[in-house]
Amino acid sequence: WKRGTVVRSWLLDLLVAALEKDPGL
C-alpha cells in the first residue's frame, strides 16, 4: 500500500517498519 494507493502516507510507512521488525507486535 506504500506506493500508488490512496491510503499511502508516512504513518503507513512507520507501521510497516514496525511490523517488519516485529510481525506479530
PDB file of all heavy atoms in Angstrom:
ATOM      1  N   TRP A   1       0.813  -1.218   0.000  1.00  0.00           N
ATOM      2  CA  TRP A   1       0.000   0.000   0.000  1.00  0.00           C
ATOM      3  C   TRP A   1       0.848   1.270   0.000  1.00  0.00           C
ATOM      4  O   TRP A   1       0.323   2.372  -0.118  1.00  0.00           O
ATOM      5  CB  TRP A   1      -0.909   0.029   1.228  1.00  0.00           C
ATOM      6  CG  TRP A   1      -1.949  -1.046   1.263  1.00  0.00           C
ATOM      7  CD1 TRP A   1      -2.327  -1.874   0.246  1.00  0.00           C
ATOM      8  CD2 TRP A   1      -2.762  -1.408   2.385  1.00  0.00           C
ATOM      9  NE1 TRP A   1      -3.300  -2.736   0.661  1.00  0.00           N
ATOM     10  CE2 TRP A   1      -3.598  -2.468   1.963  1.00  0.00           C
ATOM     11  CE3 TRP A   1      -2.854  -0.951   3.686  1.00  0.00           C
ATOM     12  CZ2 TRP A   1      -4.526  -3.070   2.816  1.00  0.00           C
ATOM     13  CZ3 TRP A   1      -3.772  -1.535   4.546  1.00  0.00           C
ATOM     14  CH2 TRP A   1      -4.607  -2.589   4.110  1.00  0.00           C
ATOM     15  N   LYS A   2       2.170   1.131   0.160  1.00  0.00           N
ATOM     16  CA  LYS A   2       3.031   2.300   0.354  1.00  0.00           C
ATOM     17  C   LYS A   2       3.174   3.159  -0.902  1.00  0.00           C
ATOM     18  O   LYS A   2       3.517   4.329  -0.812  1.00  0.00           O
ATOM     19  CB  LYS A   2       4.419   1.859   0.835  1.00  0.00           C
ATOM     20  CG  LYS A   2       4.427   1.301   2.252  1.00  0.00           C
ATOM     21  CD  LYS A   2       5.797   0.776   2.659  1.00  0.00           C
ATOM     22  CE  LYS A   2       6.853   1.864   2.640  1.00  0.00           C
ATOM     23  NZ  LYS A   2       8.150   1.377   3.172  1.00  0.00           N
ATOM     24  N   ARG A   3       2.931   2.577  -2.053  1.00  0.00           N
ATOM     25  CA  ARG A   3       3.060   3.349  -3.292  1.00  0.00           C
ATOM     26  C   ARG A   3       1.825   3.142  -4.168  1.00  0.00           C
ATOM     27  O   ARG A   3       1.364   2.016  -4.350  1.00  0.00           O
ATOM     28  CB  ARG A   3       4.308   2.932  -4.083  1.00  0.00           C
ATOM     29  CG  ARG A   3       5.605   3.269  -3.392  1.00  0.00           C
ATOM     30  CD  ARG A   3       6.807   2.910  -4.251  1.00  0.00           C
ATOM     31  NE  ARG A   3       8.052   3.183  -3.558  1.00  0.00           N
ATOM     32  CZ  ARG A   3       8.677   4.358  -3.571  1.00  0.00           C
ATOM     33  NH1 ARG A   3       8.158   5.362  -4.270  1.00  0.00           N
ATOM     34  NH2 ARG A   3       9.811   4.531  -2.910  1.00  0.00           N
ATOM     35  N   GLY A   4       1.318   4.247  -4.706  1.00  0.00           N
ATOM     36  CA  GLY A   4       0.234   4.172  -5.671  1.00  0.00           C
ATOM     37  C   GLY A   4      -1.156   4.128  -5.092  1.00  0.00           C
ATOM     38  O   GLY A   4      -2.114   4.494  -5.768  1.00  0.00           O
ATOM     39  N   THR A   5      -1.317   3.684  -3.842  1.00  0.00           N
ATOM     40  CA  THR A   5      -2.661   3.570  -3.283  1.00  0.00           C
ATOM     41  C   THR A   5      -3.105   4.893  -2.659  1.00  0.00           C
ATOM     42  O   THR A   5      -2.288   5.763  -2.349  1.00  0.00           O
ATOM     43  CB  THR A   5      -2.734   2.477  -2.197  1.00  0.00           C
ATOM     44  OG1 THR A   5      -2.093   2.962  -1.004  1.00  0.00           O
ATOM     45  CG2 THR A   5      -2.047   1.203  -2.660  1.00  0.00           C
ATOM     46  N   VAL A   6      -4.397   5.007  -2.454  1.00  0.00           N
ATOM     47  CA  VAL A   6      -4.929   6.245  -1.887  1.00  0.00           C
ATOM     48  C   VAL A   6      -4.727   6.324  -0.379  1.00  0.00           C
ATOM     49  O   VAL A   6      -4.968   7.379   0.214  1.00  0.00           O
ATOM     50  CB  VAL A   6      -6.432   6.422  -2.217  1.00  0.00           C
ATOM     51  CG1 VAL A   6      -6.633   6.546  -3.705  1.00  0.00           C
ATOM     52  CG2 VAL A   6      -7.258   5.257  -1.660  1.00  0.00           C
ATOM     53  N   VAL A   7      -4.284   5.249   0.254  1.00  0.00           N
ATOM     54  CA  VAL A   7      -4.063   5.289   1.700  1.00  0.00           C
ATOM     55  C   VAL A   7      -2.572   5.383   2.043  1.00  0.00           C
ATOM     56  O   VAL A   7      -2.200   5.258   3.208  1.00  0.00           O
ATOM     57  CB  VAL A   7      -4.683   4.059   2.413  1.00  0.00           C
ATOM     58  CG1 VAL A   7      -6.183   4.044   2.220  1.00  0.00           C
ATOM     59  CG2 VAL A   7      -4.045   2.765   1.948  1.00  0.00           C
ATOM     60  N   ARG A   8      -1.707   5.612   1.065  1.00  0.00           N
ATOM     61  CA  ARG A   8      -0.276   5.734   1.356  1.00  0.00           C
ATOM     62  C   ARG A   8      -0.029   6.977   2.203  1.00  0.00           C
ATOM     63  O   ARG A   8      -0.672   8.006   2.027  1.00  0.00           O
ATOM     64  CB  ARG A   8       0.545   5.799   0.068  1.00  0.00           C
ATOM     65  CG  ARG A   8       0.265   7.010  -0.825  1.00  0.00           C
ATOM     66  CD  ARG A   8       0.959   6.819  -2.185  1.00  0.00           C
ATOM     67  NE  ARG A   8       0.849   7.981  -3.049  1.00  0.00           N
ATOM     68  CZ  ARG A   8      -0.172   8.225  -3.858  1.00  0.00           C
ATOM     69  NH1 ARG A   8      -1.209   7.383  -3.897  1.00  0.00           N
ATOM     70  NH2 ARG A   8      -0.190   9.298  -4.630  1.00  0.00           N
ATOM     71  N   SER A   9       0.925   6.868   3.135  1.00  0.00           N
ATOM     72  CA  SER A   9       1.281   8.001   3.983  1.00  0.00           C
ATOM     73  C   SER A   9       2.529   7.633   4.782  1.00  0.00           C
ATOM     74  O   SER A   9       2.945   6.468   4.822  1.00  0.00           O
ATOM     75  CB  SER A   9       0.152   8.360   4.959  1.00  0.00           C
ATOM     76  OG  SER A   9       0.101   7.436   6.031  1.00  0.00           O
ATOM     77  N   TRP A  10       3.100   8.633   5.430  1.00  0.00           N
ATOM     78  CA  TRP A  10       4.262   8.388   6.281  1.00  0.00           C
ATOM     79  C   TRP A  10       3.893   7.521   7.481  1.00  0.00           C
ATOM     80  O   TRP A  10       4.672   6.665   7.900  1.00  0.00           O
ATOM     81  CB  TRP A  10       4.851   9.723   6.750  1.00  0.00           C
ATOM     82  CG  TRP A  10       6.150   9.598   7.481  1.00  0.00           C
ATOM     83  CD1 TRP A  10       7.253   8.888   7.094  1.00  0.00           C
ATOM     84  CD2 TRP A  10       6.478  10.190   8.744  1.00  0.00           C
ATOM     85  NE1 TRP A  10       8.260   9.008   8.033  1.00  0.00           N
ATOM     86  CE2 TRP A  10       7.821   9.802   9.051  1.00  0.00           C
ATOM     87  CE3 TRP A  10       5.806  11.021   9.634  1.00  0.00           C
ATOM     88  CZ2 TRP A  10       8.470  10.207  10.209  1.00  0.00           C
ATOM     89  CZ3 TRP A  10       6.454  11.427  10.789  1.00  0.00           C
ATOM     90  CH2 TRP A  10       7.770  11.029  11.065  1.00  0.00           C
ATOM     91  N   LEU A  11       2.701   7.705   8.026  1.00  0.00           N
ATOM     92  CA  LEU A  11       2.277   6.861   9.138  1.00  0.00           C
ATOM     93  C   LEU A  11       2.177   5.402   8.706  1.00  0.00           C
ATOM     94  O   LEU A  11       2.539   4.498   9.469  1.00  0.00           O
ATOM     95  CB  LEU A  11       0.934   7.339   9.695  1.00  0.00           C
ATOM     96  CG  LEU A  11       0.967   8.615  10.534  1.00  0.00           C
ATOM     97  CD1 LEU A  11      -0.447   9.055  10.893  1.00  0.00           C
ATOM     98  CD2 LEU A  11       1.798   8.423  11.805  1.00  0.00           C
ATOM     99  N   LEU A  12       1.718   5.143   7.491  1.00  0.00           N
ATOM    100  CA  LEU A  12       1.695   3.778   6.983  1.00  0.00           C
ATOM    101  C   LEU A  12       3.114   3.236   6.862  1.00  0.00           C
ATOM    102  O   LEU A  12       3.391   2.086   7.228  1.00  0.00           O
ATOM    103  CB  LEU A  12       1.001   3.731   5.623  1.00  0.00           C
ATOM    104  CG  LEU A  12       1.004   2.368   4.924  1.00  0.00           C
ATOM    105  CD1 LEU A  12       0.268   1.319   5.744  1.00  0.00           C
ATOM    106  CD2 LEU A  12       0.412   2.477   3.521  1.00  0.00           C
ATOM    107  N   ASP A  13       4.030   4.060   6.356  1.00  0.00           N
ATOM    108  CA  ASP A  13       5.438   3.642   6.269  1.00  0.00           C
ATOM    109  C   ASP A  13       5.969   3.221   7.630  1.00  0.00           C
ATOM    110  O   ASP A  13       6.681   2.218   7.757  1.00  0.00           O
ATOM    111  CB  ASP A  13       6.303   4.781   5.717  1.00  0.00           C
ATOM    112  CG  ASP A  13       5.961   5.142   4.275  1.00  0.00           C
ATOM    113  OD1 ASP A  13       5.257   4.350   3.611  1.00  0.00           O
ATOM    114  OD2 ASP A  13       6.396   6.220   3.829  1.00  0.00           O
ATOM    115  N   LEU A  14       5.640   4.003   8.663  1.00  0.00           N
ATOM    116  CA  LEU A  14       6.134   3.704  10.006  1.00  0.00           C
ATOM    117  C   LEU A  14       5.510   2.423  10.560  1.00  0.00           C
ATOM    118  O   LEU A  14       6.183   1.643  11.245  1.00  0.00           O
ATOM    119  CB  LEU A  14       5.842   4.882  10.937  1.00  0.00           C
ATOM    120  CG  LEU A  14       6.585   6.185  10.624  1.00  0.00           C
ATOM    121  CD1 LEU A  14       6.123   7.294  11.557  1.00  0.00           C
ATOM    122  CD2 LEU A  14       8.094   5.998  10.730  1.00  0.00           C
ATOM    123  N   LEU A  15       4.228   2.194  10.272  1.00  0.00           N
ATOM    124  CA  LEU A  15       3.585   0.965  10.733  1.00  0.00           C
ATOM    125  C   LEU A  15       4.213  -0.246  10.062  1.00  0.00           C
ATOM    126  O   LEU A  15       4.487  -1.270  10.718  1.00  0.00           O
ATOM    127  CB  LEU A  15       2.082   1.013  10.452  1.00  0.00           C
ATOM    128  CG  LEU A  15       1.293  -0.257  10.824  1.00  0.00           C
ATOM    129  CD1 LEU A  15       1.493  -0.628  12.288  1.00  0.00           C
ATOM    130  CD2 LEU A  15      -0.190  -0.085  10.512  1.00  0.00           C
ATOM    131  N   VAL A  16       4.472  -0.140   8.769  1.00  0.00           N
ATOM    132  CA  VAL A  16       5.117  -1.244   8.058  1.00  0.00           C
ATOM    133  C   VAL A  16       6.503  -1.509   8.636  1.00  0.00           C
ATOM    134  O   VAL A  16       6.906  -2.669   8.829  1.00  0.00           O
ATOM    135  CB  VAL A  16       5.197  -0.938   6.544  1.00  0.00           C
ATOM    136  CG1 VAL A  16       6.079  -1.961   5.835  1.00  0.00           C
ATOM    137  CG2 VAL A  16       3.803  -0.930   5.932  1.00  0.00           C
ATOM    138  N   ALA A  17       7.235  -0.450   8.942  1.00  0.00           N
ATOM    139  CA  ALA A  17       8.571  -0.612   9.532  1.00  0.00           C
ATOM    140  C   ALA A  17       8.481  -1.350  10.866  1.00  0.00           C
ATOM    141  O   ALA A  17       9.309  -2.218  11.168  1.00  0.00           O
ATOM    142  CB  ALA A  17       9.235   0.741   9.710  1.00  0.00           C
ATOM    143  N   ALA A  18       7.479  -1.005  11.674  1.00  0.00           N
ATOM    144  CA  ALA A  18       7.298  -1.676  12.960  1.00  0.00           C
ATOM    145  C   ALA A  18       6.945  -3.146  12.769  1.00  0.00           C
ATOM    146  O   ALA A  18       7.440  -4.021  13.496  1.00  0.00           O
ATOM    147  CB  ALA A  18       6.205  -0.968  13.760  1.00  0.00           C
ATOM    148  N   LEU A  19       6.091  -3.452  11.778  1.00  0.00           N
ATOM    149  CA  LEU A  19       5.676  -4.830  11.523  1.00  0.00           C
ATOM    150  C   LEU A  19       6.817  -5.651  10.939  1.00  0.00           C
ATOM    151  O   LEU A  19       6.930  -6.857  11.202  1.00  0.00           O
ATOM    152  CB  LEU A  19       4.473  -4.855  10.582  1.00  0.00           C
ATOM    153  CG  LEU A  19       3.164  -4.347  11.188  1.00  0.00           C
ATOM    154  CD1 LEU A  19       2.108  -4.170  10.107  1.00  0.00           C
ATOM    155  CD2 LEU A  19       2.670  -5.304  12.272  1.00  0.00           C
ATOM    156  N   GLU A  20       7.666  -5.026  10.139  1.00  0.00           N
ATOM    157  CA  GLU A  20       8.816  -5.745   9.597  1.00  0.00           C
ATOM    158  C   GLU A  20       9.780  -6.145  10.712  1.00  0.00           C
ATOM    159  O   GLU A  20      10.395  -7.214  10.666  1.00  0.00           O
ATOM    160  CB  GLU A  20       9.524  -4.880   8.556  1.00  0.00           C
ATOM    161  CG  GLU A  20       8.748  -4.734   7.255  1.00  0.00           C
ATOM    162  CD  GLU A  20       9.379  -3.753   6.281  1.00  0.00           C
ATOM    163  OE1 GLU A  20      10.186  -2.902   6.731  1.00  0.00           O
ATOM    164  OE2 GLU A  20       9.066  -3.829   5.082  1.00  0.00           O
ATOM    165  N   LYS A  21       9.881  -5.306  11.700  1.00  0.00           N
ATOM    166  CA  LYS A  21      10.768  -5.590  12.835  1.00  0.00           C
ATOM    167  C   LYS A  21      10.159  -6.641  13.761  1.00  0.00           C
ATOM    168  O   LYS A  21      10.862  -7.505  14.299  1.00  0.00           O
ATOM    169  CB  LYS A  21      11.035  -4.297  13.612  1.00  0.00           C
ATOM    170  CG  LYS A  21      11.952  -4.472  14.809  1.00  0.00           C
ATOM    171  CD  LYS A  21      12.177  -3.145  15.524  1.00  0.00           C
ATOM    172  CE  LYS A  21      13.069  -3.321  16.748  1.00  0.00           C
ATOM    173  NZ  LYS A  21      13.254  -2.025  17.467  1.00  0.00           N
ATOM    174  N   ASP A  22       8.845  -6.586  13.940  1.00  0.00           N
ATOM    175  CA  ASP A  22       8.146  -7.483  14.873  1.00  0.00           C
ATOM    176  C   ASP A  22       6.783  -7.806  14.269  1.00  0.00           C
ATOM    177  O   ASP A  22       5.777  -7.168  14.602  1.00  0.00           O
ATOM    178  CB  ASP A  22       8.005  -6.790  16.235  1.00  0.00           C
ATOM    179  CG  ASP A  22       7.287  -7.634  17.274  1.00  0.00           C
ATOM    180  OD1 ASP A  22       7.093  -8.842  17.031  1.00  0.00           O
ATOM    181  OD2 ASP A  22       6.916  -7.084  18.331  1.00  0.00           O
ATOM    182  N   PRO A  23       6.705  -8.794  13.345  1.00  0.00           N
ATOM    183  CA  PRO A  23       5.475  -9.039  12.570  1.00  0.00           C
ATOM    184  C   PRO A  23       4.210  -9.210  13.398  1.00  0.00           C
ATOM    185  O   PRO A  23       3.135  -8.766  12.997  1.00  0.00           O
ATOM    186  CB  PRO A  23       5.817 -10.313  11.789  1.00  0.00           C
ATOM    187  CG  PRO A  23       7.296 -10.268  11.651  1.00  0.00           C
ATOM    188  CD  PRO A  23       7.802  -9.672  12.941  1.00  0.00           C
ATOM    189  N   GLY A  24       4.304  -9.822  14.557  1.00  0.00           N
ATOM    190  CA  GLY A  24       3.115 -10.008  15.379  1.00  0.00           C
ATOM    191  C   GLY A  24       2.944  -8.964  16.456  1.00  0.00           C
ATOM    192  O   GLY A  24       2.012  -9.041  17.253  1.00  0.00           O
ATOM    193  N   LEU A  25       3.858  -7.994  16.490  1.00  0.00           N
ATOM    194  CA  LEU A  25       3.882  -6.957  17.524  1.00  0.00           C
ATOM    195  C   LEU A  25       3.851  -7.576  18.917  1.00  0.00           C
ATOM    196  O   LEU A  25       3.254  -7.033  19.846  1.00  0.00           O
ATOM    197  CB  LEU A  25       2.705  -5.980  17.342  1.00  0.00           C
ATOM    198  CG  LEU A  25       2.683  -5.219  16.008  1.00  0.00           C
ATOM    199  CD1 LEU A  25       1.470  -4.302  15.945  1.00  0.00           C
ATOM    200  CD2 LEU A  25       3.962  -4.423  15.785  1.00  0.00           C
TER     201      LEU A  25
END
